[in-house]
Amino acid sequence: MLKKSINLITPREKEPYIIRRLKTTVPIISAVSLFVFVALFIFSIVYVNQNVNSYNQLVAQVAALENQIEKEKSKEGIYTLTSQVVDVVKQLISVKQEHYQIFSDIWNLQTEGITYTSIIIDQKGKISINVEVDSYEILTAFIEKIVNMENVSKSFSQIRAEGVTRDKKGIYTFTISMQADSGQTRK
């Protein structure tokens, strides 16, 4: 018997040139693209790591500088305080009142039985003295001395005694306010 063979597969048509070309070039382009992508990815990882290292170095420098600043804060405080004290001293030096002479005149008023609890002189020559006196006789003698300074020596003016009180022990406490006159001021 004769065998007949039937070929049900259609004969293969010849592929067009473009498809054959694409079948050879697409895998090459894919491989090159994959290589470029992997290279760019590795480059980006290296770049980020370098930036992280730079960032960490900057953070370490900032921390070191903050520690150094913290150590220098006490010196800064001393410097600031010193500059403020110098400013106050400059203001005191620039005051036009001759405080030494005023204090000297006020101190000469003091005798036994008279105690100054505070003396305040402002820049305009206004003087406030808190006084304690042991007896009425000493009080009258003290007032005569002050009136004499106002009338005779013209050292002070606008003299006023305020808040005269006497405690149980017989001590008189009061405040004297007065103005230092131009004979006491420095030009």
C-alpha atoms as a PDB file:
ATOM      1  CA  MET A   1       0.000   0.000   0.000  1.00  0.00           C
ATOM      2  CA  LEU A   2       1.044   3.256  -0.756  1.00  0.00           C
ATOM      3  CA  LYS A   3       1.303   5.787   1.853  1.00  0.00           C
ATOM      4  CA  LYS A   4       0.247   9.171   1.104  1.00  0.00           C
ATOM      5  CA  SER A   5       1.311  11.970   3.264  1.00  0.00           C
ATOM      6  CA  ILE A   6      -0.695  15.039   3.694  1.00  0.00           C
ATOM      7  CA  ASN A   7       0.975  18.106   4.980  1.00  0.00           C
ATOM      8  CA  LEU A   8      -1.524  20.203   6.877  1.00  0.00           C
ATOM      9  CA  ILE A   9       1.029  22.780   7.885  1.00  0.00           C
ATOM     10  CA  THR A  10       1.019  25.559   5.499  1.00  0.00           C
ATOM     11  CA  PRO A  11       4.317  26.379   4.043  1.00  0.00           C
ATOM     12  CA  ARG A  12       6.135  29.068   5.809  1.00  0.00           C
ATOM     13  CA  GLU A  13       6.060  32.411   4.208  1.00  0.00           C
ATOM     14  CA  LYS A  14       9.177  34.361   4.053  1.00  0.00           C
ATOM     15  CA  GLU A  15       9.231  37.069   6.760  1.00  0.00           C
ATOM     16  CA  PRO A  16       9.505  40.601   5.584  1.00  0.00           C
ATOM     17  CA  TYR A  17      12.889  42.251   5.915  1.00  0.00           C
ATOM     18  CA  ILE A  18      11.780  44.689   8.641  1.00  0.00           C
ATOM     19  CA  ILE A  19      10.589  41.929  10.947  1.00  0.00           C
ATOM     20  CA  ARG A  20      13.760  39.981  10.483  1.00  0.00           C
ATOM     21  CA  ARG A  21      15.755  43.126  11.212  1.00  0.00           C
ATOM     22  CA  LEU A  22      13.679  43.852  14.325  1.00  0.00           C
ATOM     23  CA  LYS A  23      14.143  40.322  15.607  1.00  0.00           C
ATOM     24  CA  THR A  24      17.877  40.829  15.553  1.00  0.00           C
ATOM     25  CA  THR A  25      18.080  44.459  16.741  1.00  0.00           C
ATOM     26  CA  VAL A  26      15.422  44.500  19.507  1.00  0.00           C
ATOM     27  CA  PRO A  27      17.312  42.054  21.750  1.00  0.00           C
ATOM     28  CA  ILE A  28      20.504  44.095  21.274  1.00  0.00           C
ATOM     29  CA  ILE A  29      18.684  47.351  22.079  1.00  0.00           C
ATOM     30  CA  SER A  30      17.047  45.690  25.108  1.00  0.00           C
ATOM     31  CA  ALA A  31      20.388  44.447  26.406  1.00  0.00           C
ATOM     32  CA  VAL A  32      22.005  47.865  25.927  1.00  0.00           C
ATOM     33  CA  SER A  33      19.032  49.589  27.608  1.00  0.00           C
ATOM     34  CA  LEU A  34      19.212  47.168  30.513  1.00  0.00           C
ATOM     35  CA  PHE A  35      22.938  47.802  30.871  1.00  0.00           C
ATOM     36  CA  VAL A  36      22.412  51.614  30.793  1.00  0.00           C
ATOM     37  CA  PHE A  37      19.597  51.345  33.349  1.00  0.00           C
ATOM     38  CA  VAL A  38      21.720  49.196  35.683  1.00  0.00           C
ATOM     39  CA  ALA A  39      24.680  51.572  35.274  1.00  0.00           C
ATOM     40  CA  LEU A  40      22.515  54.636  36.026  1.00  0.00           C
ATOM     41  CA  PHE A  41      20.970  52.878  39.005  1.00  0.00           C
ATOM     42  CA  ILE A  42      24.385  51.992  40.439  1.00  0.00           C
ATOM     43  CA  PHE A  43      25.620  55.537  39.768  1.00  0.00           C
ATOM     44  CA  SER A  44      22.603  57.006  41.586  1.00  0.00           C
ATOM     45  CA  ILE A  45      23.175  54.732  44.597  1.00  0.00           C
ATOM     46  CA  VAL A  46      26.850  55.760  44.759  1.00  0.00           C
ATOM     47  CA  TYR A  47      25.884  59.442  44.397  1.00  0.00           C
ATOM     48  CA  VAL A  48      23.282  59.220  47.167  1.00  0.00           C
ATOM     49  CA  ASN A  49      25.762  57.436  49.457  1.00  0.00           C
ATOM     50  CA  GLN A  50      28.341  60.161  48.866  1.00  0.00           C
ATOM     51  CA  ASN A  51      25.738  62.804  49.657  1.00  0.00           C
ATOM     52  CA  VAL A  52      24.709  60.927  52.789  1.00  0.00           C
ATOM     53  CA  ASN A  53      28.354  60.830  53.869  1.00  0.00           C
ATOM     54  CA  SER A  54      28.700  64.569  53.186  1.00  0.00           C
ATOM     55  CA  TYR A  55      25.482  65.189  55.085  1.00  0.00           C
ATOM     56  CA  ASN A  56      26.689  63.111  58.039  1.00  0.00           C
ATOM     57  CA  GLN A  57      29.985  65.025  58.045  1.00  0.00           C
ATOM     58  CA  LEU A  58      28.085  68.325  58.074  1.00  0.00           C
ATOM     59  CA  VAL A  59      25.879  67.100  60.919  1.00  0.00           C
ATOM     60  CA  ALA A  60      28.997  66.107  62.871  1.00  0.00           C
ATOM     61  CA  GLN A  61      30.547  69.550  62.237  1.00  0.00           C
ATOM     62  CA  VAL A  62      27.346  71.287  63.355  1.00  0.00           C
ATOM     63  CA  ALA A  63      27.264  69.186  66.532  1.00  0.00           C
ATOM     64  CA  ALA A  64      30.922  69.998  67.251  1.00  0.00           C
ATOM     65  CA  LEU A  65      30.296  73.715  66.704  1.00  0.00           C
ATOM     66  CA  GLU A  66      27.209  73.603  68.939  1.00  0.00           C
ATOM     67  CA  ASN A  67      29.305  71.983  71.686  1.00  0.00           C
ATOM     68  CA  GLN A  68      31.970  74.658  71.259  1.00  0.00           C
ATOM     69  CA  ILE A  69      29.322  77.395  71.414  1.00  0.00           C
ATOM     70  CA  GLU A  70      27.871  75.814  74.552  1.00  0.00           C
ATOM     71  CA  LYS A  71      31.329  75.865  76.146  1.00  0.00           C
ATOM     72  CA  GLU A  72      31.782  79.542  75.190  1.00  0.00           C
ATOM     73  CA  LYS A  73      28.383  80.634  76.568  1.00  0.00           C
ATOM     74  CA  SER A  74      29.797  81.385  79.994  1.00  0.00           C
ATOM     75  CA  LYS A  75      32.455  83.609  78.460  1.00  0.00           C
ATOM     76  CA  GLU A  76      29.783  85.303  76.389  1.00  0.00           C
ATOM     77  CA  GLY A  77      27.721  85.900  79.519  1.00  0.00           C
ATOM     78  CA  ILE A  78      30.723  87.379  81.290  1.00  0.00           C
ATOM     79  CA  TYR A  79      31.460  89.568  78.262  1.00  0.00           C
ATOM     80  CA  THR A  80      27.841  90.749  78.076  1.00  0.00           C
ATOM     81  CA  LEU A  81      27.725  91.459  81.801  1.00  0.00           C
ATOM     82  CA  THR A  82      31.047  93.288  81.645  1.00  0.00           C
ATOM     83  CA  SER A  83      29.895  95.428  78.740  1.00  0.00           C
ATOM     84  CA  GLN A  84      26.696  96.291  80.620  1.00  0.00           C
ATOM     85  CA  VAL A  85      28.709  97.210  83.732  1.00  0.00           C
ATOM     86  CA  VAL A  86      31.015  99.357  81.604  1.00  0.00           C
ATOM     87  CA  ASP A  87      27.977 101.129  80.141  1.00  0.00           C
ATOM     88  CA  VAL A  88      26.656 101.843  83.637  1.00  0.00           C
ATOM     89  CA  VAL A  89      30.069 103.118  84.731  1.00  0.00           C
ATOM     90  CA  LYS A  90      30.203 105.375  81.668  1.00  0.00           C
ATOM     91  CA  GLN A  91      26.787 106.762  82.559  1.00  0.00           C
ATOM     92  CA  LEU A  92      27.880 107.353  86.144  1.00  0.00           C
ATOM     93  CA  ILE A  93      31.029 109.117  84.996  1.00  0.00           C
ATOM     94  CA  SER A  94      29.040 111.323  82.662  1.00  0.00           C
ATOM     95  CA  VAL A  95      26.723 112.498  85.477  1.00  0.00           C
ATOM     96  CA  LYS A  96      27.123 116.246  85.897  1.00  0.00           C
ATOM     97  CA  GLN A  97      26.651 116.318  89.677  1.00  0.00           C
ATOM     98  CA  GLU A  98      29.726 116.305  91.872  1.00  0.00           C
ATOM     99  CA  HIS A  99      28.464 113.556  94.157  1.00  0.00           C
ATOM    100  CA  TYR A 100      31.573 113.442  96.274  1.00  0.00           C
ATOM    101  CA  GLN A 101      31.131 117.042  97.404  1.00  0.00           C
ATOM    102  CA  ILE A 102      27.410 116.501  98.010  1.00  0.00           C
ATOM    103  CA  PHE A 103      28.077 113.386 100.110  1.00  0.00           C
ATOM    104  CA  SER A 104      30.758 115.257 102.017  1.00  0.00           C
ATOM    105  CA  ASP A 105      28.397 118.133 102.838  1.00  0.00           C
ATOM    106  CA  ILE A 106      25.655 115.730 103.923  1.00  0.00           C
ATOM    107  CA  TRP A 107      28.083 113.660 106.018  1.00  0.00           C
ATOM    108  CA  ASN A 108      29.254 116.794 107.836  1.00  0.00           C
ATOM    109  CA  LEU A 109      25.659 117.297 109.060  1.00  0.00           C
ATOM    110  CA  GLN A 110      25.810 114.010 110.916  1.00  0.00           C
ATOM    111  CA  THR A 111      26.625 114.125 114.646  1.00  0.00           C
ATOM    112  CA  GLU A 112      26.304 111.645 117.473  1.00  0.00           C
ATOM    113  CA  GLY A 113      22.730 110.379 117.710  1.00  0.00           C
ATOM    114  CA  ILE A 114      22.041 110.791 113.957  1.00  0.00           C
ATOM    115  CA  THR A 115      22.062 107.762 111.663  1.00  0.00           C
ATOM    116  CA  TYR A 116      21.597 107.877 107.892  1.00  0.00           C
ATOM    117  CA  THR A 117      19.784 104.739 106.742  1.00  0.00           C
ATOM    118  CA  SER A 118      20.009 105.667 103.047  1.00  0.00           C
ATOM    119  CA  ILE A 119      21.149 108.513 100.827  1.00  0.00           C
ATOM    120  CA  ILE A 120      19.962 108.737  97.215  1.00  0.00           C
ATOM    121  CA  ILE A 121      21.181 111.340  94.704  1.00  0.00           C
ATOM    122  CA  ASP A 122      19.769 111.360  91.184  1.00  0.00           C
ATOM    123  CA  GLN A 123      21.342 112.854  88.061  1.00  0.00           C
ATOM    124  CA  LYS A 124      19.467 116.145  88.441  1.00  0.00           C
ATOM    125  CA  GLY A 125      20.833 116.747  91.947  1.00  0.00           C
ATOM    126  CA  LYS A 126      17.663 115.685  93.814  1.00  0.00           C
ATOM    127  CA  ILE A 127      18.704 114.220  97.165  1.00  0.00           C
ATOM    128  CA  SER A 128      16.678 111.967  99.458  1.00  0.00           C
ATOM    129  CA  ILE A 129      18.035 111.045 102.910  1.00  0.00           C
ATOM    130  CA  ASN A 130      16.415 108.626 105.361  1.00  0.00           C
ATOM    131  CA  VAL A 131      17.445 109.634 108.866  1.00  0.00           C
ATOM    132  CA  GLU A 132      17.058 108.201 112.369  1.00  0.00           C
ATOM    133  CA  VAL A 133      17.551 110.580 115.326  1.00  0.00           C
ATOM    134  CA  ASP A 134      17.821 109.470 118.966  1.00  0.00           C
ATOM    135  CA  SER A 135      16.112 112.448 120.668  1.00  0.00           C
ATOM    136  CA  TYR A 136      14.095 115.592 120.066  1.00  0.00           C
ATOM    137  CA  GLU A 137      17.043 117.867 120.986  1.00  0.00           C
ATOM    138  CA  ILE A 138      19.267 116.208 118.369  1.00  0.00           C
ATOM    139  CA  LEU A 139      16.415 116.495 115.857  1.00  0.00           C
ATOM    140  CA  THR A 140      16.069 120.269 116.393  1.00  0.00           C
ATOM    141  CA  ALA A 141      19.855 120.760 116.170  1.00  0.00           C
ATOM    142  CA  PHE A 142      19.926 118.747 112.923  1.00  0.00           C
ATOM    143  CA  ILE A 143      17.101 120.831 111.436  1.00  0.00           C
ATOM    144  CA  GLU A 144      18.962 124.055 112.390  1.00  0.00           C
ATOM    145  CA  LYS A 145      22.076 122.815 110.577  1.00  0.00           C
ATOM    146  CA  ILE A 146      20.050 122.031 107.461  1.00  0.00           C
ATOM    147  CA  VAL A 147      18.296 125.426 107.520  1.00  0.00           C
ATOM    148  CA  ASN A 148      21.714 127.060 107.951  1.00  0.00           C
ATOM    149  CA  MET A 149      23.005 125.212 104.857  1.00  0.00           C
ATOM    150  CA  GLU A 150      20.011 126.464 102.898  1.00  0.00           C
ATOM    151  CA  ASN A 151      20.208 130.092 104.090  1.00  0.00           C
ATOM    152  CA  VAL A 152      23.912 130.747 104.635  1.00  0.00           C
ATOM    153  CA  SER A 153      25.984 128.485 102.407  1.00  0.00           C
ATOM    154  CA  LYS A 154      23.322 128.150  99.688  1.00  0.00           C
ATOM    155  CA  SER A 155      24.472 124.549  99.144  1.00  0.00           C
ATOM    156  CA  PHE A 156      20.964 123.102  99.056  1.00  0.00           C
ATOM    157  CA  SER A 157      17.456 124.388  98.348  1.00  0.00           C
ATOM    158  CA  GLN A 158      13.886 123.085  98.467  1.00  0.00           C
ATOM    159  CA  ILE A 159      14.575 121.259 101.734  1.00  0.00           C
ATOM    160  CA  ARG A 160      11.595 119.304 103.075  1.00  0.00           C
ATOM    161  CA  ALA A 161      11.212 116.852 105.938  1.00  0.00           C
ATOM    162  CA  GLU A 162       8.592 114.217 105.273  1.00  0.00           C
ATOM    163  CA  GLY A 163       7.049 111.388 107.262  1.00  0.00           C
ATOM    164  CA  VAL A 164       8.408 112.216 110.716  1.00  0.00           C
ATOM    165  CA  THR A 165       7.521 109.353 113.047  1.00  0.00           C
ATOM    166  CA  ARG A 166       8.571 108.366 116.563  1.00  0.00           C
ATOM    167  CA  ASP A 167       8.763 104.767 117.650  1.00  0.00           C
ATOM    168  CA  LYS A 168       8.326 103.318 121.180  1.00  0.00           C
ATOM    169  CA  LYS A 169      12.033 103.723 121.953  1.00  0.00           C
ATOM    170  CA  GLY A 170      11.851 107.455 121.224  1.00  0.00           C
ATOM    171  CA  ILE A 171      13.782 107.304 117.941  1.00  0.00           C
ATOM    172  CA  TYR A 172      12.584 109.741 115.302  1.00  0.00           C
ATOM    173  CA  THR A 173      12.574 108.477 111.706  1.00  0.00           C
ATOM    174  CA  PHE A 174      12.018 110.796 108.753  1.00  0.00           C
ATOM    175  CA  THR A 175      13.012 111.530 105.178  1.00  0.00           C
ATOM    176  CA  ILE A 176      14.640 114.753 104.045  1.00  0.00           C
ATOM    177  CA  SER A 177      14.428 115.711 100.386  1.00  0.00           C
ATOM    178  CA  MET A 178      16.424 118.603  98.921  1.00  0.00           C
ATOM    179  CA  GLN A 179      17.968 119.909  95.730  1.00  0.00           C
ATOM    180  CA  ALA A 180      21.733 120.440  95.339  1.00  0.00           C
ATOM    181  CA  ASP A 181      22.305 123.973  94.074  1.00  0.00           C
ATOM    182  CA  SER A 182      24.570 125.092  91.272  1.00  0.00           C
ATOM    183  CA  GLY A 183      27.481 125.562  93.672  1.00  0.00           C
ATOM    184  CA  GLN A 184      27.504 121.774  93.940  1.00  0.00           C
ATOM    185  CA  THR A 185      27.395 121.068  90.226  1.00  0.00           C
ATOM    186  CA  ARG A 186      30.229 120.618  87.849  1.00  0.00           C
ATOM    187  CA  LYS A 187      30.215 122.361  84.453  1.00  0.00           C
END
